[in-house]
PDB file of N, CA and C in Angstrom:
ATOM      1  N   UNK A   1      -8.307 -13.745 -32.930  1.00  0.00           N
ATOM      2  CA  UNK A   1      -7.632 -12.464 -32.775  1.00  0.00           C
ATOM      3  C   UNK A   1      -8.663 -11.362 -32.637  1.00  0.00           C
ATOM      4  N   UNK A   2      -8.388 -10.406 -31.733  1.00  0.00           N
ATOM      5  CA  UNK A   2      -9.308  -9.329 -31.461  1.00  0.00           C
ATOM      6  C   UNK A   2      -9.136  -8.259 -32.520  1.00  0.00           C
ATOM      7  N   UNK A   3     -10.326  -7.702 -33.052  1.00  0.00           N
ATOM      8  CA  UNK A   3     -10.295  -6.616 -34.001  1.00  0.00           C
ATOM      9  C   UNK A   3     -10.553  -5.265 -33.201  1.00  0.00           C
ATOM     10  N   UNK A   4     -11.269  -5.353 -32.125  1.00  0.00           N
ATOM     11  CA  UNK A   4     -11.647  -4.130 -31.422  1.00  0.00           C
ATOM     12  C   UNK A   4     -10.974  -4.144 -30.016  1.00  0.00           C
ATOM     13  N   UNK A   5     -10.691  -2.916 -29.549  1.00  0.00           N
ATOM     14  CA  UNK A   5     -10.172  -2.902 -28.144  1.00  0.00           C
ATOM     15  C   UNK A   5     -11.245  -3.301 -27.115  1.00  0.00           C
ATOM     16  N   UNK A   6     -10.777  -3.804 -26.058  1.00  0.00           N
ATOM     17  CA  UNK A   6     -11.722  -4.237 -25.001  1.00  0.00           C
ATOM     18  C   UNK A   6     -11.383  -3.586 -23.690  1.00  0.00           C
ATOM     19  N   UNK A   7     -12.372  -3.342 -22.888  1.00  0.00           N
ATOM     20  CA  UNK A   7     -12.158  -2.745 -21.533  1.00  0.00           C
ATOM     21  C   UNK A   7     -11.520  -3.722 -20.535  1.00  0.00           C
ATOM     22  N   UNK A   8     -11.630  -5.047 -20.843  1.00  0.00           N
ATOM     23  CA  UNK A   8     -11.124  -6.048 -19.866  1.00  0.00           C
ATOM     24  C   UNK A   8      -9.630  -5.998 -19.624  1.00  0.00           C
ATOM     25  N   UNK A   9      -8.860  -5.631 -20.615  1.00  0.00           N
ATOM     26  CA  UNK A   9      -7.418  -5.651 -20.413  1.00  0.00           C
ATOM     27  C   UNK A   9      -6.973  -4.554 -19.509  1.00  0.00           C
ATOM     28  N   UNK A  10      -7.328  -3.301 -19.696  1.00  0.00           N
ATOM     29  CA  UNK A  10      -6.879  -2.261 -18.777  1.00  0.00           C
ATOM     30  C   UNK A  10      -7.518  -2.477 -17.380  1.00  0.00           C
ATOM     31  N   UNK A  11      -8.770  -2.938 -17.320  1.00  0.00           N
ATOM     32  CA  UNK A  11      -9.403  -3.198 -16.026  1.00  0.00           C
ATOM     33  C   UNK A  11      -8.735  -4.325 -15.318  1.00  0.00           C
ATOM     34  N   UNK A  12      -8.329  -5.389 -16.100  1.00  0.00           N
ATOM     35  CA  UNK A  12      -7.666  -6.520 -15.492  1.00  0.00           C
ATOM     36  C   UNK A  12      -6.255  -6.154 -14.990  1.00  0.00           C
ATOM     37  N   UNK A  13      -5.546  -5.339 -15.719  1.00  0.00           N
ATOM     38  CA  UNK A  13      -4.230  -4.885 -15.248  1.00  0.00           C
ATOM     39  C   UNK A  13      -4.368  -4.076 -13.987  1.00  0.00           C
ATOM     40  N   UNK A  14      -5.323  -3.173 -13.952  1.00  0.00           N
ATOM     41  CA  UNK A  14      -5.554  -2.381 -12.726  1.00  0.00           C
ATOM     42  C   UNK A  14      -5.906  -3.260 -11.539  1.00  0.00           C
ATOM     43  N   UNK A  15      -6.799  -4.242 -11.817  1.00  0.00           N
ATOM     44  CA  UNK A  15      -7.204  -5.110 -10.709  1.00  0.00           C
ATOM     45  C   UNK A  15      -6.056  -5.966 -10.215  1.00  0.00           C
ATOM     46  N   UNK A  16      -5.248  -6.481 -11.137  1.00  0.00           N
ATOM     47  CA  UNK A  16      -4.061  -7.227 -10.751  1.00  0.00           C
ATOM     48  C   UNK A  16      -3.098  -6.411  -9.979  1.00  0.00           C
ATOM     49  N   UNK A  17      -2.893  -5.168 -10.342  1.00  0.00           N
ATOM     50  CA  UNK A  17      -1.978  -4.282  -9.625  1.00  0.00           C
ATOM     51  C   UNK A  17      -2.518  -3.937  -8.221  1.00  0.00           C
ATOM     52  N   UNK A  18      -3.850  -3.759  -8.143  1.00  0.00           N
ATOM     53  CA  UNK A  18      -4.486  -3.511  -6.873  1.00  0.00           C
ATOM     54  C   UNK A  18      -4.363  -4.726  -5.912  1.00  0.00           C
ATOM     55  N   UNK A  19      -4.617  -5.921  -6.430  1.00  0.00           N
ATOM     56  CA  UNK A  19      -4.477  -7.120  -5.574  1.00  0.00           C
ATOM     57  C   UNK A  19      -3.060  -7.363  -5.144  1.00  0.00           C
ATOM     58  N   UNK A  20      -2.126  -7.176  -6.068  1.00  0.00           N
ATOM     59  CA  UNK A  20      -0.681  -7.348  -5.740  1.00  0.00           C
ATOM     60  C   UNK A  20      -0.258  -6.274  -4.729  1.00  0.00           C
ATOM     61  N   UNK A  21      -0.729  -5.062  -4.839  1.00  0.00           N
ATOM     62  CA  UNK A  21      -0.413  -3.988  -3.895  1.00  0.00           C
ATOM     63  C   UNK A  21      -0.992  -4.282  -2.530  1.00  0.00           C
ATOM     64  N   UNK A  22      -2.209  -4.737  -2.474  1.00  0.00           N
ATOM     65  CA  UNK A  22      -2.890  -5.144  -1.204  1.00  0.00           C
ATOM     66  C   UNK A  22      -2.096  -6.297  -0.562  1.00  0.00           C
ATOM     67  N   UNK A  23      -1.702  -7.278  -1.323  1.00  0.00           N
ATOM     68  CA  UNK A  23      -0.950  -8.376  -0.798  1.00  0.00           C
ATOM     69  C   UNK A  23       0.396  -7.882  -0.236  1.00  0.00           C
ATOM     70  N   UNK A  24       1.053  -7.022  -0.960  1.00  0.00           N
ATOM     71  CA  UNK A  24       2.340  -6.509  -0.536  1.00  0.00           C
ATOM     72  C   UNK A  24       2.210  -5.717   0.784  1.00  0.00           C
ATOM     73  N   UNK A  25       1.121  -4.863   0.868  1.00  0.00           N
ATOM     74  CA  UNK A  25       0.903  -4.082   2.087  1.00  0.00           C
ATOM     75  C   UNK A  25       0.565  -5.023   3.220  1.00  0.00           C
ATOM     76  N   UNK A  26      -0.195  -6.138   2.993  1.00  0.00           N
ATOM     77  CA  UNK A  26      -0.533  -7.081   4.069  1.00  0.00           C
ATOM     78  C   UNK A  26       0.744  -7.729   4.591  1.00  0.00           C
ATOM     79  N   UNK A  27       1.612  -8.114   3.648  1.00  0.00           N
ATOM     80  CA  UNK A  27       2.860  -8.753   4.012  1.00  0.00           C
ATOM     81  C   UNK A  27       3.713  -7.774   4.854  1.00  0.00           C
ATOM     82  N   UNK A  28       3.805  -6.496   4.349  1.00  0.00           N
ATOM     83  CA  UNK A  28       4.576  -5.508   5.058  1.00  0.00           C
ATOM     84  C   UNK A  28       4.007  -5.255   6.431  1.00  0.00           C
ATOM     85  N   UNK A  29       2.694  -5.225   6.537  1.00  0.00           N
ATOM     86  CA  UNK A  29       2.101  -4.889   7.842  1.00  0.00           C
ATOM     87  C   UNK A  29       2.211  -6.052   8.852  1.00  0.00           C
ATOM     88  N   UNK A  30       1.971  -7.256   8.404  1.00  0.00           N
ATOM     89  CA  UNK A  30       1.909  -8.391   9.377  1.00  0.00           C
ATOM     90  C   UNK A  30       3.243  -9.182   9.468  1.00  0.00           C
ATOM     91  N   UNK A  31       3.963  -9.345   8.377  1.00  0.00           N
ATOM     92  CA  UNK A  31       5.169 -10.174   8.464  1.00  0.00           C
ATOM     93  C   UNK A  31       6.407  -9.387   8.841  1.00  0.00           C
ATOM     94  N   UNK A  32       6.552  -8.180   8.296  1.00  0.00           N
ATOM     95  CA  UNK A  32       7.754  -7.367   8.540  1.00  0.00           C
ATOM     96  C   UNK A  32       8.035  -7.176  10.057  1.00  0.00           C
ATOM     97  N   UNK A  33       6.988  -6.803  10.850  1.00  0.00           N
ATOM     98  CA  UNK A  33       7.259  -6.683  12.269  1.00  0.00           C
ATOM     99  C   UNK A  33       7.786  -7.963  12.980  1.00  0.00           C
ATOM    100  N   UNK A  34       7.370  -9.090  12.465  1.00  0.00           N
ATOM    101  CA  UNK A  34       7.748 -10.381  13.069  1.00  0.00           C
ATOM    102  C   UNK A  34       9.221 -10.721  12.717  1.00  0.00           C
ATOM    103  N   UNK A  35       9.687 -10.428  11.517  1.00  0.00           N
ATOM    104  CA  UNK A  35      10.991 -10.833  11.137  1.00  0.00           C
ATOM    105  C   UNK A  35      11.944  -9.658  10.930  1.00  0.00           C
ATOM    106  N   UNK A  36      11.495  -8.443  11.316  1.00  0.00           N
ATOM    107  CA  UNK A  36      12.332  -7.243  11.072  1.00  0.00           C
ATOM    108  C   UNK A  36      13.636  -7.260  11.817  1.00  0.00           C
ATOM    109  N   UNK A  37      13.778  -7.947  12.924  1.00  0.00           N
ATOM    110  CA  UNK A  37      15.015  -8.008  13.688  1.00  0.00           C
ATOM    111  C   UNK A  37      16.010  -9.052  13.188  1.00  0.00           C
ATOM    112  N   UNK A  38      15.535  -9.889  12.268  1.00  0.00           N
ATOM    113  CA  UNK A  38      16.425 -10.942  11.681  1.00  0.00           C
ATOM    114  C   UNK A  38      17.428 -10.294  10.748  1.00  0.00           C
ATOM    115  N   UNK A  39      18.453 -11.012  10.450  1.00  0.00           N
ATOM    116  CA  UNK A  39      19.451 -10.543   9.484  1.00  0.00           C
ATOM    117  C   UNK A  39      18.837 -10.631   8.076  1.00  0.00           C
ATOM    118  N   UNK A  40      19.388  -9.901   7.107  1.00  0.00           N
ATOM    119  CA  UNK A  40      18.867  -9.854   5.778  1.00  0.00           C
ATOM    120  C   UNK A  40      18.899 -11.281   5.130  1.00  0.00           C
ATOM    121  N   UNK A  41      19.902 -12.036   5.412  1.00  0.00           N
ATOM    122  CA  UNK A  41      19.972 -13.398   4.871  1.00  0.00           C
ATOM    123  C   UNK A  41      18.964 -14.322   5.439  1.00  0.00           C
ATOM    124  N   UNK A  42      18.550 -14.062   6.668  1.00  0.00           N
ATOM    125  CA  UNK A  42      17.505 -14.897   7.272  1.00  0.00           C
ATOM    126  C   UNK A  42      16.101 -14.488   6.748  1.00  0.00           C
ATOM    127  N   UNK A  43      15.948 -13.222   6.444  1.00  0.00           N
ATOM    128  CA  UNK A  43      14.718 -12.685   5.898  1.00  0.00           C
ATOM    129  C   UNK A  43      14.474 -13.119   4.471  1.00  0.00           C
ATOM    130  N   UNK A  44      15.540 -13.288   3.722  1.00  0.00           N
ATOM    131  CA  UNK A  44      15.462 -13.529   2.309  1.00  0.00           C
ATOM    132  C   UNK A  44      14.566 -14.749   1.901  1.00  0.00           C
ATOM    133  N   UNK A  45      14.780 -15.942   2.572  1.00  0.00           N
ATOM    134  CA  UNK A  45      13.869 -17.060   2.185  1.00  0.00           C
ATOM    135  C   UNK A  45      12.428 -16.776   2.498  1.00  0.00           C
ATOM    136  N   UNK A  46      12.144 -16.052   3.558  1.00  0.00           N
ATOM    137  CA  UNK A  46      10.747 -15.750   3.905  1.00  0.00           C
ATOM    138  C   UNK A  46      10.103 -14.928   2.839  1.00  0.00           C
ATOM    139  N   UNK A  47      10.784 -13.884   2.387  1.00  0.00           N
ATOM    140  CA  UNK A  47      10.229 -13.012   1.376  1.00  0.00           C
ATOM    141  C   UNK A  47      10.136 -13.664   0.006  1.00  0.00           C
ATOM    142  N   UNK A  48      11.125 -14.500  -0.284  1.00  0.00           N
ATOM    143  CA  UNK A  48      11.065 -15.284  -1.549  1.00  0.00           C
ATOM    144  C   UNK A  48       9.811 -16.200  -1.529  1.00  0.00           C
ATOM    145  N   UNK A  49       9.666 -16.912  -0.451  1.00  0.00           N
ATOM    146  CA  UNK A  49       8.503 -17.813  -0.249  1.00  0.00           C
ATOM    147  C   UNK A  49       7.188 -17.018  -0.401  1.00  0.00           C
ATOM    148  N   UNK A  50       7.102 -15.889   0.274  1.00  0.00           N
ATOM    149  CA  UNK A  50       5.841 -15.065   0.126  1.00  0.00           C
ATOM    150  C   UNK A  50       5.691 -14.505  -1.247  1.00  0.00           C
ATOM    151  N   UNK A  51       6.773 -14.239  -1.911  1.00  0.00           N
ATOM    152  CA  UNK A  51       6.708 -13.741  -3.330  1.00  0.00           C
ATOM    153  C   UNK A  51       6.169 -14.792  -4.277  1.00  0.00           C
ATOM    154  N   UNK A  52       6.560 -16.038  -4.055  1.00  0.00           N
ATOM    155  CA  UNK A  52       6.106 -17.114  -4.880  1.00  0.00           C
ATOM    156  C   UNK A  52       4.665 -17.506  -4.507  1.00  0.00           C
ATOM    157  N   UNK A  53       4.352 -17.447  -3.215  1.00  0.00           N
ATOM    158  CA  UNK A  53       3.046 -17.859  -2.676  1.00  0.00           C
ATOM    159  C   UNK A  53       1.898 -17.128  -3.352  1.00  0.00           C
ATOM    160  N   UNK A  54       2.091 -15.779  -3.587  1.00  0.00           N
ATOM    161  CA  UNK A  54       0.973 -15.016  -4.189  1.00  0.00           C
ATOM    162  C   UNK A  54       0.607 -15.494  -5.566  1.00  0.00           C
ATOM    163  N   UNK A  55       1.564 -16.054  -6.306  1.00  0.00           N
ATOM    164  CA  UNK A  55       1.283 -16.571  -7.595  1.00  0.00           C
ATOM    165  C   UNK A  55       0.415 -17.850  -7.489  1.00  0.00           C
ATOM    166  N   UNK A  56       0.653 -18.651  -6.411  1.00  0.00           N
ATOM    167  CA  UNK A  56      -0.132 -19.831  -6.188  1.00  0.00           C
ATOM    168  C   UNK A  56      -1.554 -19.531  -5.747  1.00  0.00           C
ATOM    169  N   UNK A  57      -1.701 -18.469  -4.955  1.00  0.00           N
ATOM    170  CA  UNK A  57      -3.010 -18.059  -4.430  1.00  0.00           C
ATOM    171  C   UNK A  57      -3.902 -17.449  -5.423  1.00  0.00           C
ATOM    172  N   UNK A  58      -3.306 -16.759  -6.409  1.00  0.00           N
ATOM    173  CA  UNK A  58      -4.102 -16.025  -7.398  1.00  0.00           C
ATOM    174  C   UNK A  58      -4.346 -16.974  -8.607  1.00  0.00           C
ATOM    175  N   UNK A  59      -5.594 -17.173  -9.040  1.00  0.00           N
ATOM    176  CA  UNK A  59      -5.851 -17.965 -10.217  1.00  0.00           C
ATOM    177  C   UNK A  59      -5.555 -17.218 -11.502  1.00  0.00           C
ATOM    178  N   UNK A  60      -4.232 -16.996 -11.658  1.00  0.00           N
ATOM    179  CA  UNK A  60      -3.745 -16.090 -12.720  1.00  0.00           C
ATOM    180  C   UNK A  60      -4.110 -16.584 -14.154  1.00  0.00           C
ATOM    181  N   UNK A  61      -4.022 -17.884 -14.327  1.00  0.00           N
ATOM    182  CA  UNK A  61      -4.256 -18.382 -15.748  1.00  0.00           C
ATOM    183  C   UNK A  61      -5.740 -18.097 -16.118  1.00  0.00           C
ATOM    184  N   UNK A  62      -6.675 -18.329 -15.316  1.00  0.00           N
ATOM    185  CA  UNK A  62      -8.038 -18.031 -15.629  1.00  0.00           C
ATOM    186  C   UNK A  62      -8.294 -16.510 -15.743  1.00  0.00           C
ATOM    187  N   UNK A  63      -7.641 -15.756 -14.910  1.00  0.00           N
ATOM    188  CA  UNK A  63      -7.798 -14.318 -14.968  1.00  0.00           C
ATOM    189  C   UNK A  63      -7.272 -13.765 -16.300  1.00  0.00           C
ATOM    190  N   UNK A  64      -6.094 -14.205 -16.686  1.00  0.00           N
ATOM    191  CA  UNK A  64      -5.545 -13.738 -17.970  1.00  0.00           C
ATOM    192  C   UNK A  64      -6.374 -14.226 -19.121  1.00  0.00           C
ATOM    193  N   UNK A  65      -6.982 -15.374 -19.056  1.00  0.00           N
ATOM    194  CA  UNK A  65      -7.841 -15.886 -20.150  1.00  0.00           C
ATOM    195  C   UNK A  65      -9.098 -15.003 -20.200  1.00  0.00           C
ATOM    196  N   UNK A  66      -9.635 -14.596 -19.016  1.00  0.00           N
ATOM    197  CA  UNK A  66     -10.800 -13.730 -19.041  1.00  0.00           C
ATOM    198  C   UNK A  66     -10.435 -12.349 -19.672  1.00  0.00           C
ATOM    199  N   UNK A  67      -9.332 -11.835 -19.318  1.00  0.00           N
ATOM    200  CA  UNK A  67      -8.879 -10.570 -19.848  1.00  0.00           C
ATOM    201  C   UNK A  67      -8.807 -10.604 -21.415  1.00  0.00           C
ATOM    202  N   UNK A  68      -8.424 -11.746 -21.929  1.00  0.00           N
ATOM    203  CA  UNK A  68      -8.213 -11.841 -23.371  1.00  0.00           C
ATOM    204  C   UNK A  68      -9.498 -12.208 -24.090  1.00  0.00           C
ATOM    205  N   UNK A  69     -10.327 -13.158 -23.537  1.00  0.00           N
ATOM    206  CA  UNK A  69     -11.465 -13.687 -24.274  1.00  0.00           C
ATOM    207  C   UNK A  69     -12.810 -13.265 -23.680  1.00  0.00           C
ATOM    208  N   UNK A  70     -12.854 -12.919 -22.364  1.00  0.00           N
ATOM    209  CA  UNK A  70     -14.121 -12.608 -21.753  1.00  0.00           C
ATOM    210  C   UNK A  70     -14.801 -13.795 -21.133  1.00  0.00           C
ATOM    211  N   UNK A  71     -14.121 -14.982 -21.179  1.00  0.00           N
ATOM    212  CA  UNK A  71     -14.642 -16.210 -20.638  1.00  0.00           C
ATOM    213  C   UNK A  71     -13.669 -16.747 -19.595  1.00  0.00           C
ATOM    214  N   UNK A  72     -14.142 -17.337 -18.532  1.00  0.00           N
ATOM    215  CA  UNK A  72     -13.321 -17.907 -17.519  1.00  0.00           C
ATOM    216  C   UNK A  72     -12.725 -19.291 -17.815  1.00  0.00           C
ATOM    217  N   UNK A  73     -13.392 -19.988 -18.724  1.00  0.00           N
ATOM    218  CA  UNK A  73     -12.948 -21.362 -19.054  1.00  0.00           C
ATOM    219  C   UNK A  73     -12.572 -21.422 -20.512  1.00  0.00           C
TER     220      UNK A  73
END
């Protein structure tokens, strides 16, 4: 258990928000024009898939461990 505050947690939260925001903007910029003419029900599985995909792409477990302990492993 941590006794002292650490800079890694706020920095990690800001970095995670920045990466997620960049991913969202990339999806909006590249994917939305391709499927914008589709019906909402047809767009839904695409956006759900892309929403789940970012979790797979980001090594979140190691990142959260680093935020808490300062070590990647």
